[in-house]
Amino acid sequence: MKFVHLESRGGNYMVVASNVAWLRIGENGQTLVGIIGSQPLLVTGTPESVAQKLAAS
């Protein structure tokens, strides 16, 4: 199980990379991260930059 550190304006998250189902453009240049079995997280960065973090893990 690989954890990935994702930054947010309201706090930071550690997510399990294999539990990420989708990425979508959010509000104010942020990205929505769909987590299996949970509500989406709003994190900083573009979908491409978040995908790079997930792929690097």
PDB file of N, CA and C in Angstrom:
ATOM      1  N   MET A   1       0.850  -1.160   0.000  1.00  0.00           N
ATOM      2  CA  MET A   1       0.000   0.000   0.000  1.00  0.00           C
ATOM      3  C   MET A   1       0.903   1.231   0.000  1.00  0.00           C
ATOM      4  N   LYS A   2       0.754   2.066  -1.025  1.00  0.00           N
ATOM      5  CA  LYS A   2       1.572   3.273  -1.160  1.00  0.00           C
ATOM      6  C   LYS A   2       0.728   4.500  -0.879  1.00  0.00           C
ATOM      7  N   PHE A   3       1.195   5.318   0.062  1.00  0.00           N
ATOM      8  CA  PHE A   3       0.535   6.574   0.387  1.00  0.00           C
ATOM      9  C   PHE A   3       1.160   7.702  -0.416  1.00  0.00           C
ATOM     10  N   VAL A   4       0.324   8.650  -0.834  1.00  0.00           N
ATOM     11  CA  VAL A   4       0.776   9.820  -1.571  1.00  0.00           C
ATOM     12  C   VAL A   4       0.326  11.055  -0.799  1.00  0.00           C
ATOM     13  N   HIS A   5       1.230  12.008  -0.642  1.00  0.00           N
ATOM     14  CA  HIS A   5       0.936  13.259   0.057  1.00  0.00           C
ATOM     15  C   HIS A   5       0.351  14.247  -0.951  1.00  0.00           C
ATOM     16  N   LEU A   6      -0.890  14.699  -0.715  1.00  0.00           N
ATOM     17  CA  LEU A   6      -1.550  15.690  -1.564  1.00  0.00           C
ATOM     18  C   LEU A   6      -1.868  16.917  -0.721  1.00  0.00           C
ATOM     19  N   GLU A   7      -1.478  18.088  -1.233  1.00  0.00           N
ATOM     20  CA  GLU A   7      -1.702  19.330  -0.510  1.00  0.00           C
ATOM     21  C   GLU A   7      -3.073  19.909  -0.839  1.00  0.00           C
ATOM     22  N   SER A   8      -3.648  20.577   0.156  1.00  0.00           N
ATOM     23  CA  SER A   8      -4.932  21.235   0.002  1.00  0.00           C
ATOM     24  C   SER A   8      -4.850  22.593   0.679  1.00  0.00           C
ATOM     25  N   ARG A   9      -5.697  23.501   0.298  1.00  0.00           N
ATOM     26  CA  ARG A   9      -5.716  24.824   0.939  1.00  0.00           C
ATOM     27  C   ARG A   9      -6.255  24.744   2.361  1.00  0.00           C
ATOM     28  N   GLY A  10      -7.045  23.722   2.650  1.00  0.00           N
ATOM     29  CA  GLY A  10      -7.622  23.574   3.982  1.00  0.00           C
ATOM     30  C   GLY A  10      -6.875  22.596   4.863  1.00  0.00           C
ATOM     31  N   GLY A  11      -5.840  21.960   4.358  1.00  0.00           N
ATOM     32  CA  GLY A  11      -5.082  20.949   5.090  1.00  0.00           C
ATOM     33  C   GLY A  11      -4.501  19.969   4.101  1.00  0.00           C
ATOM     34  N   ASN A  12      -3.683  19.069   4.546  1.00  0.00           N
ATOM     35  CA  ASN A  12      -3.029  18.127   3.652  1.00  0.00           C
ATOM     36  C   ASN A  12      -3.596  16.725   3.859  1.00  0.00           C
ATOM     37  N   TYR A  13      -3.484  15.897   2.821  1.00  0.00           N
ATOM     38  CA  TYR A  13      -4.013  14.536   2.854  1.00  0.00           C
ATOM     39  C   TYR A  13      -2.911  13.536   2.538  1.00  0.00           C
ATOM     40  N   MET A  14      -3.026  12.366   3.107  1.00  0.00           N
ATOM     41  CA  MET A  14      -2.247  11.200   2.713  1.00  0.00           C
ATOM     42  C   MET A  14      -3.276  10.205   2.174  1.00  0.00           C
ATOM     43  N   VAL A  15      -3.191   9.895   0.897  1.00  0.00           N
ATOM     44  CA  VAL A  15      -4.158   8.985   0.286  1.00  0.00           C
ATOM     45  C   VAL A  15      -3.445   7.739  -0.239  1.00  0.00           C
ATOM     46  N   VAL A  16      -4.162   6.637  -0.274  1.00  0.00           N
ATOM     47  CA  VAL A  16      -3.634   5.410  -0.857  1.00  0.00           C
ATOM     48  C   VAL A  16      -3.803   5.529  -2.365  1.00  0.00           C
ATOM     49  N   ALA A  17      -2.691   5.487  -3.091  1.00  0.00           N
ATOM     50  CA  ALA A  17      -2.704   5.732  -4.534  1.00  0.00           C
ATOM     51  C   ALA A  17      -3.653   4.784  -5.268  1.00  0.00           C
ATOM     52  N   SER A  18      -3.734   3.539  -4.859  1.00  0.00           N
ATOM     53  CA  SER A  18      -4.585   2.574  -5.562  1.00  0.00           C
ATOM     54  C   SER A  18      -6.076   2.806  -5.313  1.00  0.00           C
ATOM     55  N   ASN A  19      -6.426   3.678  -4.359  1.00  0.00           N
ATOM     56  CA  ASN A  19      -7.833   3.982  -4.086  1.00  0.00           C
ATOM     57  C   ASN A  19      -8.350   5.187  -4.864  1.00  0.00           C
ATOM     58  N   VAL A  20      -7.507   5.813  -5.668  1.00  0.00           N
ATOM     59  CA  VAL A  20      -7.933   6.963  -6.462  1.00  0.00           C
ATOM     60  C   VAL A  20      -8.607   6.443  -7.729  1.00  0.00           C
ATOM     61  N   ALA A  21      -9.858   6.876  -7.941  1.00  0.00           N
ATOM     62  CA  ALA A  21     -10.637   6.399  -9.083  1.00  0.00           C
ATOM     63  C   ALA A  21     -10.611   7.372 -10.254  1.00  0.00           C
ATOM     64  N   TRP A  22     -10.581   8.690  -9.978  1.00  0.00           N
ATOM     65  CA  TRP A  22     -10.634   9.678 -11.048  1.00  0.00           C
ATOM     66  C   TRP A  22     -10.094  11.014 -10.576  1.00  0.00           C
ATOM     67  N   LEU A  23      -9.749  11.856 -11.548  1.00  0.00           N
ATOM     68  CA  LEU A  23      -9.325  13.233 -11.312  1.00  0.00           C
ATOM     69  C   LEU A  23     -10.172  14.138 -12.193  1.00  0.00           C
ATOM     70  N   ARG A  24     -10.561  15.292 -11.651  1.00  0.00           N
ATOM     71  CA  ARG A  24     -11.380  16.232 -12.416  1.00  0.00           C
ATOM     72  C   ARG A  24     -10.985  17.657 -12.034  1.00  0.00           C
ATOM     73  N   ILE A  25     -11.065  18.561 -12.977  1.00  0.00           N
ATOM     74  CA  ILE A  25     -10.772  19.965 -12.692  1.00  0.00           C
ATOM     75  C   ILE A  25     -11.792  20.482 -11.694  1.00  0.00           C
ATOM     76  N   GLY A  26     -11.293  21.107 -10.627  1.00  0.00           N
ATOM     77  CA  GLY A  26     -12.155  21.677  -9.597  1.00  0.00           C
ATOM     78  C   GLY A  26     -12.219  23.184  -9.724  1.00  0.00           C
ATOM     79  N   GLU A  27     -12.593  23.830  -8.639  1.00  0.00           N
ATOM     80  CA  GLU A  27     -12.725  25.285  -8.650  1.00  0.00           C
ATOM     81  C   GLU A  27     -11.395  25.958  -8.327  1.00  0.00           C
ATOM     82  N   ASN A  28     -11.205  27.160  -8.842  1.00  0.00           N
ATOM     83  CA  ASN A  28     -10.037  27.999  -8.549  1.00  0.00           C
ATOM     84  C   ASN A  28      -8.709  27.301  -8.829  1.00  0.00           C
ATOM     85  N   GLY A  29      -8.616  26.587  -9.938  1.00  0.00           N
ATOM     86  CA  GLY A  29      -7.363  25.946 -10.315  1.00  0.00           C
ATOM     87  C   GLY A  29      -6.980  24.751  -9.479  1.00  0.00           C
ATOM     88  N   GLN A  30      -7.942  24.179  -8.771  1.00  0.00           N
ATOM     89  CA  GLN A  30      -7.685  23.009  -7.949  1.00  0.00           C
ATOM     90  C   GLN A  30      -8.195  21.753  -8.665  1.00  0.00           C
ATOM     91  N   THR A  31      -7.943  20.600  -8.068  1.00  0.00           N
ATOM     92  CA  THR A  31      -8.334  19.324  -8.653  1.00  0.00           C
ATOM     93  C   THR A  31      -9.187  18.535  -7.671  1.00  0.00           C
ATOM     94  N   LEU A  32     -10.257  17.941  -8.179  1.00  0.00           N
ATOM     95  CA  LEU A  32     -11.058  17.011  -7.389  1.00  0.00           C
ATOM     96  C   LEU A  32     -10.487  15.616  -7.589  1.00  0.00           C
ATOM     97  N   VAL A  33     -10.249  14.915  -6.485  1.00  0.00           N
ATOM     98  CA  VAL A  33      -9.697  13.558  -6.518  1.00  0.00           C
ATOM     99  C   VAL A  33     -10.779  12.617  -6.018  1.00  0.00           C
ATOM    100  N   GLY A  34     -11.246  11.730  -6.887  1.00  0.00           N
ATOM    101  CA  GLY A  34     -12.262  10.747  -6.512  1.00  0.00           C
ATOM    102  C   GLY A  34     -11.623   9.563  -5.815  1.00  0.00           C
ATOM    103  N   ILE A  35     -12.080   9.306  -4.592  1.00  0.00           N
ATOM    104  CA  ILE A  35     -11.570   8.203  -3.787  1.00  0.00           C
ATOM    105  C   ILE A  35     -12.637   7.115  -3.731  1.00  0.00           C
ATOM    106  N   ILE A  36     -12.260   5.873  -3.976  1.00  0.00           N
ATOM    107  CA  ILE A  36     -13.200   4.750  -3.910  1.00  0.00           C
ATOM    108  C   ILE A  36     -13.799   4.670  -2.509  1.00  0.00           C
ATOM    109  N   GLY A  37     -15.127   4.682  -2.433  1.00  0.00           N
ATOM    110  CA  GLY A  37     -15.831   4.543  -1.165  1.00  0.00           C
ATOM    111  C   GLY A  37     -15.837   5.784  -0.298  1.00  0.00           C
ATOM    112  N   SER A  38     -15.549   6.951  -0.889  1.00  0.00           N
ATOM    113  CA  SER A  38     -15.484   8.179  -0.100  1.00  0.00           C
ATOM    114  C   SER A  38     -15.908   9.364  -0.956  1.00  0.00           C
ATOM    115  N   GLN A  39     -16.002  10.516  -0.317  1.00  0.00           N
ATOM    116  CA  GLN A  39     -16.282  11.763  -1.015  1.00  0.00           C
ATOM    117  C   GLN A  39     -15.018  12.258  -1.703  1.00  0.00           C
ATOM    118  N   PRO A  40     -15.142  13.011  -2.807  1.00  0.00           N
ATOM    119  CA  PRO A  40     -13.960  13.547  -3.480  1.00  0.00           C
ATOM    120  C   PRO A  40     -13.219  14.553  -2.595  1.00  0.00           C
ATOM    121  N   LEU A  41     -11.912  14.624  -2.791  1.00  0.00           N
ATOM    122  CA  LEU A  41     -11.072  15.582  -2.088  1.00  0.00           C
ATOM    123  C   LEU A  41     -10.724  16.715  -3.043  1.00  0.00           C
ATOM    124  N   LEU A  42     -10.701  17.941  -2.541  1.00  0.00           N
ATOM    125  CA  LEU A  42     -10.290  19.090  -3.325  1.00  0.00           C
ATOM    126  C   LEU A  42      -8.851  19.414  -2.949  1.00  0.00           C
ATOM    127  N   VAL A  43      -7.921  19.258  -3.888  1.00  0.00           N
ATOM    128  CA  VAL A  43      -6.505  19.460  -3.611  1.00  0.00           C
ATOM    129  C   VAL A  43      -5.938  20.502  -4.568  1.00  0.00           C
ATOM    130  N   THR A  44      -4.790  21.064  -4.208  1.00  0.00           N
ATOM    131  CA  THR A  44      -4.153  22.070  -5.051  1.00  0.00           C
ATOM    132  C   THR A  44      -3.446  21.404  -6.217  1.00  0.00           C
ATOM    133  N   GLY A  45      -3.306  22.159  -7.302  1.00  0.00           N
ATOM    134  CA  GLY A  45      -2.613  21.664  -8.483  1.00  0.00           C
ATOM    135  C   GLY A  45      -3.565  21.252  -9.581  1.00  0.00           C
ATOM    136  N   THR A  46      -2.989  21.047 -10.746  1.00  0.00           N
ATOM    137  CA  THR A  46      -3.761  20.626 -11.913  1.00  0.00           C
ATOM    138  C   THR A  46      -3.948  19.110 -11.877  1.00  0.00           C
ATOM    139  N   PRO A  47      -4.908  18.585 -12.630  1.00  0.00           N
ATOM    140  CA  PRO A  47      -5.043  17.132 -12.703  1.00  0.00           C
ATOM    141  C   PRO A  47      -3.756  16.456 -13.179  1.00  0.00           C
ATOM    142  N   GLU A  48      -3.030  17.105 -14.079  1.00  0.00           N
ATOM    143  CA  GLU A  48      -1.787  16.535 -14.580  1.00  0.00           C
ATOM    144  C   GLU A  48      -0.735  16.433 -13.475  1.00  0.00           C
ATOM    145  N   SER A  49      -0.605  17.483 -12.642  1.00  0.00           N
ATOM    146  CA  SER A  49       0.407  17.447 -11.578  1.00  0.00           C
ATOM    147  C   SER A  49       0.038  16.441 -10.500  1.00  0.00           C
ATOM    148  N   VAL A  50      -1.255  16.308 -10.217  1.00  0.00           N
ATOM    149  CA  VAL A  50      -1.698  15.316  -9.239  1.00  0.00           C
ATOM    150  C   VAL A  50      -1.464  13.898  -9.796  1.00  0.00           C
ATOM    151  N   ALA A  51      -1.741  13.710 -11.083  1.00  0.00           N
ATOM    152  CA  ALA A  51      -1.514  12.408 -11.712  1.00  0.00           C
ATOM    153  C   ALA A  51      -0.030  12.036 -11.668  1.00  0.00           C
ATOM    154  N   GLN A  52       0.847  13.005 -11.835  1.00  0.00           N
ATOM    155  CA  GLN A  52       2.294  12.732 -11.743  1.00  0.00           C
ATOM    156  C   GLN A  52       2.664  12.240 -10.358  1.00  0.00           C
ATOM    157  N   LYS A  53       2.110  12.863  -9.317  1.00  0.00           N
ATOM    158  CA  LYS A  53       2.387  12.428  -7.944  1.00  0.00           C
ATOM    159  C   LYS A  53       1.904  10.990  -7.723  1.00  0.00           C
ATOM    160  N   LEU A  54       0.721  10.699  -8.242  1.00  0.00           N
ATOM    161  CA  LEU A  54       0.156   9.365  -8.063  1.00  0.00           C
ATOM    162  C   LEU A  54       0.968   8.320  -8.831  1.00  0.00           C
ATOM    163  N   ALA A  55       1.396   8.657 -10.036  1.00  0.00           N
ATOM    164  CA  ALA A  55       2.149   7.716 -10.853  1.00  0.00           C
ATOM    165  C   ALA A  55       3.553   7.474 -10.313  1.00  0.00           C
ATOM    166  N   ALA A  56       4.103   8.464  -9.632  1.00  0.00           N
ATOM    167  CA  ALA A  56       5.460   8.333  -9.084  1.00  0.00           C
ATOM    168  C   ALA A  56       5.516   7.423  -7.857  1.00  0.00           C
ATOM    169  N   SER A  57       4.374   7.149  -7.280  1.00  0.00           N
ATOM    170  CA  SER A  57       4.368   6.320  -6.062  1.00  0.00           C
ATOM    171  C   SER A  57       4.440   4.848  -6.372  1.00  0.00           C
TER     172      SER A  57
END
